[in-house]
Amino acid sequence: MADLVNVDYNTSIPNNVNLADDRRVLKALEKWHPGYLNWWSNMGPEGFQESLVYLRTAVSVDPKGWAKFGYVKMPEYRWGILLAPEEEGRTIPCGEHAGKPAWQEVPGEYRSMLRRLIVIQGDTEPASVEQQRHLGQTAPSLYDMRNLFQVNVEEGRHLWAMVYLLQKYFGADGREEADMLLERQSGSEDHPRMLGAFNEATPDWLSFFMFTYFTDRDGKMQLEALAQSGFDPLSRTCRFMLTEEAHHMFVGETGVGRVIQRTCEAMKEAGITDPYDINAVRALGVIDLPTIQKKANMHYSLSLDLFGSEISTNAANAFNSGIKGRYREAKIEDDHKLEKDTYPVLRLIDGKVVISDEPALSAINMRLRDDYVKDATGGVNRWNNILKKEGVEFQITLPHVAFHRHQGEFSAIHADPEGNLLSSEEWEKRRDEWLPSKADGDFIDSLMKPQWEPGKYAGWISPPRVGIDNKPGDFEYVKVSGVAQNA
């Protein structure tokens, strides 16, 4: 049996799941591989397929030493199938089967539910690559370009992770679903991605940082819930994916923080004390703080939609079956069955936003979203610490959960960032106060000029405090090819 920690690089597909001894699955994945490379060539980072990028590659699943760094062309990146080590004696952590041995094969009665969860998770991975494919052309530094490409190749690996599960455990249906994951495209009118936020454009680098902070954090919460699955291969797959996902949120949090830092520095240098003097701040070639707030409002609200309806029979069924748990299920002190428990849910009742105690089983989505909100607040507090340290009178806030929603309780109404209900006319009149306008987008776009000289940064963002892999400030994270330079 292969070592569950180290990764076998002797097959065409690096893995720690004994693919060499599983000829059927290896053959199916090898058949899928050319289609994936074709997708990557057509929909991956545009203009940089020949560039050497200083990337990390998983060589084990040991958190203390799981990655190595080196230059590689992205199409030659060794995407692999990696599962966290099997836990001996693991049991199903929640639902009606709680305490029974975890499933190593798909339980027949839950086959359709499991397949759909895996397909939805798998669909988000290539979608974000597609959304971000043009960003390399306007990278504010080689450091940021490299981080973008690292996120991209790891989203590609996460797609491989879901495709492995489909190919190994779902037969012909799984193979068909795996092919369809390459056919859908973000923003396509005919074959869009399955979730709304993954069909939105990522037009600029501030959007990218907000996406990796807010939307990848939803990904973290979904992976945490799937890591509790009684279907052990899915649990182990998601546990390792979380190791990689942490970097994506780091890119987002520090990226937004560096934008805020540079804006504060430019304001102080120019003697501007009013952050709402937008024209004066923009004249400095930096992004004004109210526009950063609008971007946060948009990406946060779109990410909340990814949790689905607050009251959900599907979520209750997934939990009750043991297919999907709650965030850090093992640390919750209850019976893990929720047969008689209740949970407070924000609802729209008689035109008012009120807290209603609902059956906890039906409120699984709400609980996970509440955990997300707490998790997202930490980074926002760190952004505000930058503002405080720089002496700028401004705070980034998260809007009320009723604001700008397209799913769930509040999808049929309009509310301001404080949660006050508005008429459609009032919303249309004031929308641009709270969400990025076309003029805001045009201004940000005007700043998106590439800076590809090692150690140099665009004027609207500060350098990072430390380099990747402890590299010096002028390290050439991407050796940009001539083709990309002329694009």
Protein backbone atom coordinates (compact mmCIF):
# COMPACT_ATOMS: atom_id res chain seq x y z
CA MET A 1 0.00 0.00 0.00
CA ALA A 2 1.30 3.47 -0.90
CA ASP A 3 2.32 5.88 1.85
CA LEU A 4 -0.68 8.03 2.74
CA VAL A 5 1.57 10.99 3.54
CA ASN A 6 3.95 11.08 0.57
CA VAL A 7 2.73 11.51 -2.98
CA ASP A 8 3.49 9.03 -5.78
CA TYR A 9 4.87 10.90 -8.80
CA ASN A 10 5.52 7.76 -10.86
CA THR A 11 2.17 7.84 -12.67
CA SER A 12 1.04 10.54 -15.09
CA ILE A 13 -1.27 11.76 -12.32
CA PRO A 14 0.49 12.34 -8.97
CA ASN A 15 -1.54 10.79 -6.17
CA ASN A 16 -1.56 9.15 -2.75
CA VAL A 17 -4.56 6.88 -3.45
CA ASN A 18 -2.80 3.95 -5.15
CA LEU A 19 -3.90 4.85 -8.65
CA ALA A 20 -1.26 2.50 -10.05
CA ASP A 21 -3.27 -0.38 -8.57
CA ASP A 22 -6.64 0.98 -9.70
CA ARG A 23 -6.38 0.62 -13.47
CA ARG A 24 -10.04 1.41 -14.17
CA VAL A 25 -9.94 4.79 -12.44
CA LEU A 26 -6.44 5.61 -13.72
CA LYS A 27 -7.58 4.91 -17.28
CA ALA A 28 -10.70 7.08 -16.83
CA LEU A 29 -8.65 9.97 -15.44
CA GLU A 30 -6.07 9.65 -18.21
CA LYS A 31 -8.91 9.84 -20.72
CA TRP A 32 -10.23 12.99 -19.01
CA HIS A 33 -6.77 14.61 -18.75
CA PRO A 34 -6.47 15.92 -22.38
CA GLY A 35 -9.84 17.65 -22.09
CA TYR A 36 -8.68 19.29 -18.88
CA LEU A 37 -5.46 20.53 -20.50
CA ASN A 38 -7.47 21.86 -23.43
CA TRP A 39 -9.76 23.68 -20.99
CA TRP A 40 -6.71 25.09 -19.15
CA SER A 41 -5.19 26.27 -22.42
CA ASN A 42 -8.41 27.97 -23.53
CA MET A 43 -9.78 29.22 -20.22
CA GLY A 44 -6.77 29.40 -17.87
CA PRO A 45 -4.51 32.46 -17.34
CA GLU A 46 -4.39 34.25 -20.68
CA GLY A 47 -0.97 34.96 -22.13
CA PHE A 48 1.17 33.22 -19.51
CA GLN A 49 1.15 29.55 -20.49
CA GLU A 50 4.85 29.71 -21.42
CA SER A 51 5.97 31.76 -18.42
CA LEU A 52 7.94 30.14 -15.60
CA VAL A 53 6.12 30.68 -12.31
CA TYR A 54 7.53 30.11 -8.82
CA LEU A 55 4.81 27.77 -7.56
CA ARG A 56 4.37 25.40 -4.66
CA THR A 57 3.50 21.77 -5.38
CA ALA A 58 2.15 19.30 -2.85
CA VAL A 59 4.62 16.49 -2.14
CA SER A 60 2.84 15.12 0.94
CA VAL A 61 -0.26 15.70 3.04
CA ASP A 62 1.72 16.29 6.23
CA PRO A 63 0.85 19.87 7.31
CA LYS A 64 4.42 20.38 8.58
CA GLY A 65 6.07 19.80 5.23
CA TRP A 66 3.59 19.29 2.45
CA ALA A 67 4.87 21.56 -0.32
CA LYS A 68 7.98 22.32 -2.31
CA PHE A 69 8.64 25.50 -4.32
CA GLY A 70 10.14 25.85 -7.77
CA TYR A 71 9.72 27.31 -11.25
CA VAL A 72 7.25 25.54 -13.53
CA LYS A 73 5.15 26.39 -16.58
CA MET A 74 1.53 26.22 -15.52
CA PRO A 75 0.40 23.66 -18.15
CA GLU A 76 3.16 21.40 -16.78
CA TYR A 77 2.05 21.76 -13.16
CA ARG A 78 1.61 18.35 -11.53
CA TRP A 79 -2.06 18.39 -10.61
CA GLY A 80 -2.70 15.42 -8.39
CA ILE A 81 -5.21 13.39 -6.37
CA LEU A 82 -4.49 13.99 -2.69
CA LEU A 83 -6.45 12.77 0.33
CA ALA A 84 -5.68 13.42 3.97
CA PRO A 85 -4.61 10.29 5.90
CA GLU A 86 -7.34 7.85 6.84
CA GLU A 87 -8.40 8.05 10.49
CA GLU A 88 -8.56 4.55 11.93
CA GLY A 89 -11.96 3.81 13.42
CA ARG A 90 -13.55 7.04 12.16
CA THR A 91 -17.31 7.19 12.65
CA ILE A 92 -20.08 9.24 11.08
CA PRO A 93 -20.16 12.45 13.14
CA CYS A 94 -23.78 13.57 12.76
CA GLY A 95 -27.33 12.71 11.74
CA GLU A 96 -29.31 9.53 12.14
CA HIS A 97 -26.21 7.36 11.50
CA ALA A 98 -24.03 9.20 14.04
CA GLY A 99 -21.52 6.88 15.72
CA LYS A 100 -21.61 4.21 13.03
CA PRO A 101 -18.48 3.43 10.97
CA ALA A 102 -17.79 5.99 8.23
CA TRP A 103 -18.66 4.81 4.72
CA GLN A 104 -15.81 3.83 2.42
CA GLU A 105 -18.22 3.33 -0.49
CA VAL A 106 -21.23 5.41 -1.55
CA PRO A 107 -24.33 4.40 0.42
CA GLY A 108 -26.97 3.61 -2.22
CA GLU A 109 -29.79 5.62 -0.64
CA TYR A 110 -27.65 8.79 -0.66
CA ARG A 111 -26.00 8.36 -4.03
CA SER A 112 -27.87 11.16 -5.81
CA MET A 113 -27.43 13.63 -2.94
CA LEU A 114 -23.71 12.92 -2.65
CA ARG A 115 -23.14 13.23 -6.37
CA ARG A 116 -24.88 16.60 -6.51
CA LEU A 117 -22.83 17.99 -3.59
CA ILE A 118 -19.60 16.86 -5.25
CA VAL A 119 -20.62 18.28 -8.62
CA ILE A 120 -21.56 21.68 -7.13
CA GLN A 121 -18.25 21.86 -5.26
CA GLY A 122 -16.38 20.75 -8.38
CA ASP A 123 -18.14 23.35 -10.54
CA THR A 124 -16.91 26.27 -8.44
CA GLU A 125 -13.24 25.35 -8.91
CA PRO A 126 -12.78 25.90 -12.68
CA ALA A 127 -15.30 28.76 -12.54
CA SER A 128 -13.00 30.99 -10.49
CA VAL A 129 -10.09 30.26 -12.86
CA GLU A 130 -12.29 31.38 -15.75
CA GLN A 131 -13.35 34.52 -13.90
CA GLN A 132 -9.73 35.49 -13.26
CA ARG A 133 -8.11 34.49 -16.56
CA HIS A 134 -7.40 38.06 -17.76
CA LEU A 135 -5.97 39.44 -14.51
CA GLY A 136 -2.36 38.50 -15.18
CA GLN A 137 -2.23 41.17 -17.89
CA THR A 138 -2.74 43.94 -15.30
CA ALA A 139 -0.86 42.43 -12.34
CA PRO A 140 0.41 45.18 -9.98
CA SER A 141 3.60 43.19 -9.28
CA LEU A 142 5.25 39.85 -10.01
CA TYR A 143 4.51 38.90 -6.38
CA ASP A 144 0.77 39.39 -6.96
CA MET A 145 0.89 37.72 -10.36
CA ARG A 146 2.49 34.66 -8.80
CA ASN A 147 -0.16 34.55 -6.06
CA LEU A 148 -2.91 34.72 -8.69
CA PHE A 149 -1.38 31.82 -10.59
CA GLN A 150 -0.89 29.80 -7.40
CA VAL A 151 -4.58 30.23 -6.60
CA ASN A 152 -5.46 29.25 -10.18
CA VAL A 153 -3.43 26.01 -10.28
CA GLU A 154 -4.77 24.98 -6.87
CA GLU A 155 -8.35 25.59 -7.97
CA GLY A 156 -7.46 23.34 -10.89
CA ARG A 157 -6.21 20.69 -8.48
CA HIS A 158 -9.42 20.99 -6.48
CA LEU A 159 -11.32 20.25 -9.68
CA TRP A 160 -9.17 17.11 -10.07
CA ALA A 161 -10.06 16.15 -6.49
CA MET A 162 -13.80 16.22 -7.20
CA VAL A 163 -13.38 14.51 -10.58
CA TYR A 164 -11.50 11.66 -8.91
CA LEU A 165 -14.44 11.07 -6.57
CA LEU A 166 -16.88 11.16 -9.48
CA GLN A 167 -14.79 8.80 -11.60
CA LYS A 168 -14.06 6.31 -8.84
CA TYR A 169 -17.39 6.12 -7.03
CA PHE A 170 -20.15 7.07 -9.49
CA GLY A 171 -19.48 5.02 -12.64
CA ALA A 172 -20.89 6.21 -15.95
CA ASP A 173 -22.88 8.98 -14.24
CA GLY A 174 -19.68 10.25 -12.65
CA ARG A 175 -17.78 10.23 -15.92
CA GLU A 176 -20.56 12.21 -17.59
CA GLU A 177 -20.59 14.75 -14.74
CA ALA A 178 -16.78 15.06 -14.96
CA ASP A 179 -17.02 15.91 -18.65
CA MET A 180 -19.73 18.50 -17.99
CA LEU A 181 -17.49 20.27 -15.47
CA LEU A 182 -15.31 21.23 -18.44
CA GLU A 183 -18.26 22.22 -20.65
CA ARG A 184 -19.87 24.84 -18.42
CA GLN A 185 -18.20 28.27 -18.45
CA SER A 186 -18.42 31.23 -16.11
CA GLY A 187 -20.81 33.84 -17.48
CA SER A 188 -21.90 31.72 -20.45
CA GLU A 189 -25.49 32.34 -21.57
CA ASP A 190 -25.93 28.76 -22.76
CA HIS A 191 -23.86 26.79 -20.23
CA PRO A 192 -23.25 28.94 -17.12
CA ARG A 193 -21.66 27.76 -13.91
CA MET A 194 -24.12 26.43 -11.34
CA LEU A 195 -23.86 29.17 -8.68
CA GLY A 196 -24.53 32.86 -9.35
CA ALA A 197 -21.40 34.34 -7.77
CA PHE A 198 -19.29 32.20 -10.11
CA ASN A 199 -20.85 33.80 -13.18
CA GLU A 200 -19.91 37.33 -12.13
CA ALA A 201 -16.96 39.06 -13.78
CA THR A 202 -13.70 39.65 -11.89
CA PRO A 203 -12.68 42.79 -13.79
CA ASP A 204 -9.87 44.15 -11.62
CA TRP A 205 -7.45 43.29 -8.85
CA LEU A 206 -9.48 44.78 -6.02
CA SER A 207 -12.32 42.49 -7.13
CA PHE A 208 -9.89 39.56 -7.11
CA PHE A 209 -8.76 40.34 -3.57
CA MET A 210 -12.37 40.71 -2.40
CA PHE A 211 -13.30 37.46 -4.15
CA THR A 212 -10.48 35.50 -2.54
CA TYR A 213 -11.31 36.99 0.86
CA PHE A 214 -15.10 36.66 0.84
CA THR A 215 -16.03 34.04 -1.76
CA ASP A 216 -13.12 31.67 -1.11
CA ARG A 217 -14.11 31.92 2.55
CA ASP A 218 -17.50 30.52 1.61
CA GLY A 219 -15.50 27.76 -0.07
CA LYS A 220 -13.68 27.19 3.19
CA MET A 221 -16.96 26.86 5.10
CA GLN A 222 -18.43 24.46 2.54
CA LEU A 223 -15.24 22.36 2.62
CA GLU A 224 -15.32 22.35 6.44
CA ALA A 225 -18.90 21.04 6.31
CA LEU A 226 -18.03 18.40 3.70
CA ALA A 227 -14.94 17.43 5.71
CA GLN A 228 -17.44 16.17 8.32
CA SER A 229 -19.06 13.84 5.79
CA GLY A 230 -19.75 10.26 6.76
CA PHE A 231 -18.53 9.36 3.25
CA ASP A 232 -14.88 9.07 4.19
CA PRO A 233 -13.23 9.66 0.77
CA LEU A 234 -15.05 13.00 0.51
CA SER A 235 -14.09 13.93 4.06
CA ARG A 236 -10.43 13.14 3.47
CA THR A 237 -10.40 14.99 0.14
CA CYS A 238 -11.83 18.15 1.67
CA ARG A 239 -9.53 18.04 4.68
CA PHE A 240 -6.52 18.32 2.40
CA MET A 241 -8.15 20.96 0.19
CA LEU A 242 -8.50 23.16 3.27
CA THR A 243 -4.70 23.22 3.56
CA GLU A 244 -4.51 24.90 0.15
CA GLU A 245 -7.59 27.08 0.62
CA ALA A 246 -5.93 28.94 3.51
CA HIS A 247 -3.48 30.58 1.09
CA HIS A 248 -6.31 31.84 -1.12
CA MET A 249 -7.89 33.72 1.80
CA PHE A 250 -4.45 35.02 2.82
CA VAL A 251 -4.07 36.49 -0.68
CA GLY A 252 -7.45 38.21 -0.32
CA GLU A 253 -7.03 39.56 3.19
CA THR A 254 -3.50 40.86 2.72
CA GLY A 255 -4.34 42.17 -0.77
CA VAL A 256 -7.21 44.34 0.49
CA GLY A 257 -5.07 45.35 3.48
CA ARG A 258 -2.25 46.49 1.19
CA VAL A 259 -4.69 48.55 -0.90
CA ILE A 260 -5.98 50.23 2.27
CA GLN A 261 -2.40 50.77 3.51
CA ARG A 262 -1.34 52.49 0.29
CA THR A 263 -4.42 54.73 0.25
CA CYS A 264 -3.75 55.82 3.84
CA GLU A 265 -0.09 56.52 3.07
CA ALA A 266 -0.96 58.58 0.00
CA MET A 267 -3.57 60.59 1.92
CA LYS A 268 -1.10 61.38 4.69
CA GLU A 269 1.61 62.38 2.20
CA ALA A 270 -0.86 64.75 0.53
CA GLY A 271 -2.26 66.11 3.79
CA ILE A 272 -5.78 64.81 3.06
CA THR A 273 -7.69 64.02 6.26
CA ASP A 274 -11.21 63.55 4.85
CA PRO A 275 -11.57 60.03 3.35
CA TYR A 276 -14.83 61.15 1.70
CA ASP A 277 -13.01 63.75 -0.42
CA ILE A 278 -13.10 61.15 -3.16
CA ASN A 279 -11.90 63.26 -6.06
CA ALA A 280 -8.86 64.48 -4.12
CA VAL A 281 -7.96 60.95 -3.04
CA ARG A 282 -8.43 59.52 -6.53
CA ALA A 283 -6.20 62.24 -7.95
CA LEU A 284 -3.38 60.60 -5.99
CA GLY A 285 -3.72 57.43 -8.07
CA VAL A 286 -5.08 55.29 -5.22
CA ILE A 287 -8.47 53.75 -4.48
CA ASP A 288 -10.60 55.81 -2.11
CA LEU A 289 -11.88 54.10 1.02
CA PRO A 290 -15.64 54.53 0.30
CA THR A 291 -15.14 52.65 -2.98
CA ILE A 292 -13.30 49.88 -1.12
CA GLN A 293 -16.32 49.72 1.20
CA LYS A 294 -18.67 49.40 -1.79
CA LYS A 295 -16.60 46.54 -3.17
CA ALA A 296 -16.75 44.79 0.21
CA ASN A 297 -20.54 45.27 0.28
CA MET A 298 -20.91 43.64 -3.12
CA HIS A 299 -18.63 40.64 -2.65
CA TYR A 300 -19.86 39.94 0.88
CA SER A 301 -23.53 39.96 -0.18
CA LEU A 302 -22.86 37.78 -3.24
CA SER A 303 -20.99 35.33 -1.03
CA LEU A 304 -23.88 35.15 1.46
CA ASP A 305 -26.09 34.00 -1.40
CA LEU A 306 -23.87 30.94 -1.83
CA PHE A 307 -25.23 29.51 1.43
CA GLY A 308 -28.69 29.16 -0.10
CA SER A 309 -31.97 29.53 1.75
CA GLU A 310 -31.91 30.03 5.49
CA ILE A 311 -34.58 27.35 5.90
CA SER A 312 -33.68 24.36 3.73
CA THR A 313 -35.05 20.85 3.48
CA ASN A 314 -32.08 19.84 1.32
CA ALA A 315 -29.60 20.99 3.96
CA ALA A 316 -31.59 19.18 6.67
CA ASN A 317 -31.54 15.98 4.62
CA ALA A 318 -27.79 16.24 3.98
CA PHE A 319 -27.10 16.66 7.69
CA ASN A 320 -29.58 14.02 8.83
CA SER A 321 -28.10 11.50 6.39
CA GLY A 322 -24.57 12.19 7.65
CA ILE A 323 -23.45 13.37 4.20
CA LYS A 324 -22.57 16.92 5.33
CA GLY A 325 -21.97 18.26 8.83
CA ARG A 326 -21.68 21.64 10.50
CA TYR A 327 -18.58 23.79 10.86
CA ARG A 328 -16.26 21.97 13.29
CA GLU A 329 -18.97 19.45 14.11
CA ALA A 330 -16.89 17.56 16.69
CA LYS A 331 -16.46 20.69 18.85
CA ILE A 332 -20.21 21.35 19.11
CA GLU A 333 -21.69 20.17 22.40
CA ASP A 334 -25.03 18.60 21.51
CA ASP A 335 -26.31 15.19 20.40
CA HIS A 336 -25.33 15.85 16.74
CA LYS A 337 -28.80 14.74 15.65
CA LEU A 338 -30.84 17.92 16.26
CA GLU A 339 -34.15 16.09 16.39
CA LYS A 340 -35.69 18.52 18.92
CA ASP A 341 -33.28 21.47 18.84
CA THR A 342 -34.04 24.97 17.55
CA TYR A 343 -31.81 27.67 16.08
CA PRO A 344 -32.44 31.45 15.80
CA VAL A 345 -33.00 32.51 12.19
CA LEU A 346 -33.40 36.00 10.74
CA ARG A 347 -36.65 36.01 8.78
CA LEU A 348 -38.87 38.47 6.95
CA ILE A 349 -42.26 38.29 8.67
CA ASP A 350 -45.06 40.81 8.04
CA GLY A 351 -42.60 43.18 6.40
CA LYS A 352 -40.18 43.17 9.30
CA VAL A 353 -36.81 41.49 9.85
CA VAL A 354 -37.18 39.42 13.03
CA ILE A 355 -35.42 36.56 14.81
CA SER A 356 -37.44 33.36 14.77
CA ASP A 357 -36.56 30.11 16.50
CA GLU A 358 -36.73 27.40 13.83
CA PRO A 359 -36.02 23.66 13.88
CA ALA A 360 -32.22 23.37 13.97
CA LEU A 361 -32.23 20.70 11.28
CA SER A 362 -33.92 23.06 8.82
CA ALA A 363 -31.57 25.90 9.78
CA ILE A 364 -28.29 24.16 8.92
CA ASN A 365 -27.53 26.69 6.17
CA MET A 366 -28.22 29.57 8.54
CA ARG A 367 -25.84 28.20 11.15
CA LEU A 368 -23.06 27.73 8.59
CA ARG A 369 -23.65 31.27 7.32
CA ASP A 370 -23.47 32.62 10.87
CA ASP A 371 -20.14 30.85 11.30
CA TYR A 372 -19.01 32.42 8.02
CA VAL A 373 -19.96 35.91 9.22
CA LYS A 374 -17.93 35.46 12.41
CA ASP A 375 -14.98 34.14 10.42
CA ALA A 376 -15.13 37.00 7.89
CA THR A 377 -15.28 39.61 10.64
CA GLY A 378 -11.74 38.80 11.78
CA GLY A 379 -10.07 40.03 8.61
CA VAL A 380 -12.28 43.12 8.46
CA ASN A 381 -11.13 43.99 11.99
CA ARG A 382 -7.52 43.68 10.83
CA TRP A 383 -8.24 46.05 7.93
CA ASN A 384 -9.68 48.52 10.43
CA ASN A 385 -6.56 48.19 12.58
CA ILE A 386 -4.56 49.44 9.58
CA LEU A 387 -6.84 52.47 9.35
CA LYS A 388 -6.54 53.09 13.08
CA LYS A 389 -2.75 52.76 13.03
CA GLU A 390 -2.53 55.22 10.14
CA GLY A 391 -4.83 57.65 11.96
CA VAL A 392 -7.51 57.70 9.24
CA GLU A 393 -11.08 58.25 10.45
CA PHE A 394 -12.83 55.46 8.57
CA GLN A 395 -14.02 51.92 9.21
CA ILE A 396 -14.83 49.06 6.86
CA THR A 397 -18.08 47.38 7.92
CA LEU A 398 -20.02 44.33 6.80
CA PRO A 399 -23.56 45.18 5.64
CA HIS A 400 -26.68 43.64 7.13
CA VAL A 401 -27.46 40.17 5.79
CA ALA A 402 -30.68 41.51 4.20
CA PHE A 403 -28.66 43.85 1.96
CA HIS A 404 -28.43 43.10 -1.80
CA ARG A 405 -29.60 39.50 -1.62
CA HIS A 406 -30.70 37.23 -4.46
CA GLN A 407 -31.22 34.00 -2.49
CA GLY A 408 -33.24 33.16 0.61
CA GLU A 409 -35.43 35.20 2.94
CA PHE A 410 -34.46 38.62 1.64
CA SER A 411 -34.28 38.01 -2.09
CA ALA A 412 -37.63 39.68 -2.80
CA ILE A 413 -36.99 42.92 -0.88
CA HIS A 414 -34.51 45.79 -0.84
CA ALA A 415 -32.61 46.90 2.25
CA ASP A 416 -29.84 49.38 2.99
CA PRO A 417 -26.55 48.26 4.62
CA GLU A 418 -28.09 48.78 8.08
CA GLY A 419 -30.98 46.43 7.25
CA ASN A 420 -33.69 49.09 6.83
CA LEU A 421 -36.25 48.06 4.23
CA LEU A 422 -36.52 50.25 1.14
CA SER A 423 -38.98 50.64 -1.73
CA SER A 424 -37.79 49.68 -5.20
CA GLU A 425 -37.73 53.37 -6.12
CA GLU A 426 -35.58 54.30 -3.12
CA TRP A 427 -33.21 51.40 -3.80
CA GLU A 428 -32.70 52.43 -7.43
CA LYS A 429 -32.17 56.02 -6.36
CA ARG A 430 -29.52 55.18 -3.75
CA ARG A 431 -27.95 51.96 -5.06
CA ASP A 432 -24.74 53.67 -6.16
CA GLU A 433 -24.16 54.90 -2.58
CA TRP A 434 -23.62 51.30 -1.50
CA LEU A 435 -22.50 49.27 -4.51
CA PRO A 436 -19.83 50.05 -7.12
CA SER A 437 -21.15 52.24 -9.93
CA LYS A 438 -19.93 52.16 -13.51
CA ALA A 439 -17.89 55.29 -12.77
CA ASP A 440 -16.26 53.51 -9.80
CA GLY A 441 -15.43 50.56 -12.01
CA ASP A 442 -14.02 52.81 -14.73
CA PHE A 443 -11.79 54.58 -12.21
CA ILE A 444 -10.43 51.34 -10.75
CA ASP A 445 -9.89 50.05 -14.28
CA SER A 446 -7.85 53.15 -15.09
CA LEU A 447 -5.38 52.18 -12.35
CA MET A 448 -4.92 48.62 -13.62
CA LYS A 449 -1.57 49.14 -15.35
CA PRO A 450 0.87 46.21 -15.20
CA GLN A 451 4.03 46.46 -13.10
CA TRP A 452 6.23 43.50 -13.93
CA GLU A 453 9.65 44.73 -12.82
CA PRO A 454 10.97 42.57 -9.97
CA GLY A 455 10.53 44.30 -6.61
CA LYS A 456 8.31 47.07 -8.03
CA TYR A 457 4.62 47.65 -7.20
CA ALA A 458 1.83 49.63 -8.83
CA GLY A 459 1.14 52.94 -7.12
CA TRP A 460 -2.22 51.90 -5.71
CA ILE A 461 -0.96 48.98 -3.56
CA SER A 462 1.72 48.59 -0.90
CA PRO A 463 4.40 45.89 -0.98
CA PRO A 464 3.83 42.83 1.24
CA ARG A 465 5.57 42.62 4.59
CA VAL A 466 7.34 39.38 3.67
CA GLY A 467 7.95 37.47 0.44
CA ILE A 468 6.71 34.04 -0.56
CA ASP A 469 8.98 31.25 0.68
CA ASN A 470 11.06 33.93 2.45
CA LYS A 471 12.31 35.29 -0.87
CA PRO A 472 13.86 38.79 -1.01
CA GLY A 473 11.87 41.81 -2.17
CA ASP A 474 13.29 41.84 -5.70
CA PHE A 475 12.78 38.13 -6.34
CA GLU A 476 11.49 37.32 -9.85
CA TYR A 477 8.38 35.34 -8.94
CA VAL A 478 7.33 35.04 -12.59
CA LYS A 479 9.71 34.92 -15.54
CA VAL A 480 7.31 36.55 -17.96
CA SER A 481 7.63 35.21 -21.50
CA GLY A 482 7.94 37.46 -24.50
CA VAL A 483 4.50 36.40 -25.68
CA ALA A 484 2.89 37.67 -22.47
CA GLN A 485 4.86 40.93 -22.57
CA ASN A 486 3.59 41.63 -26.06
CA ALA A 487 -0.02 40.63 -25.33
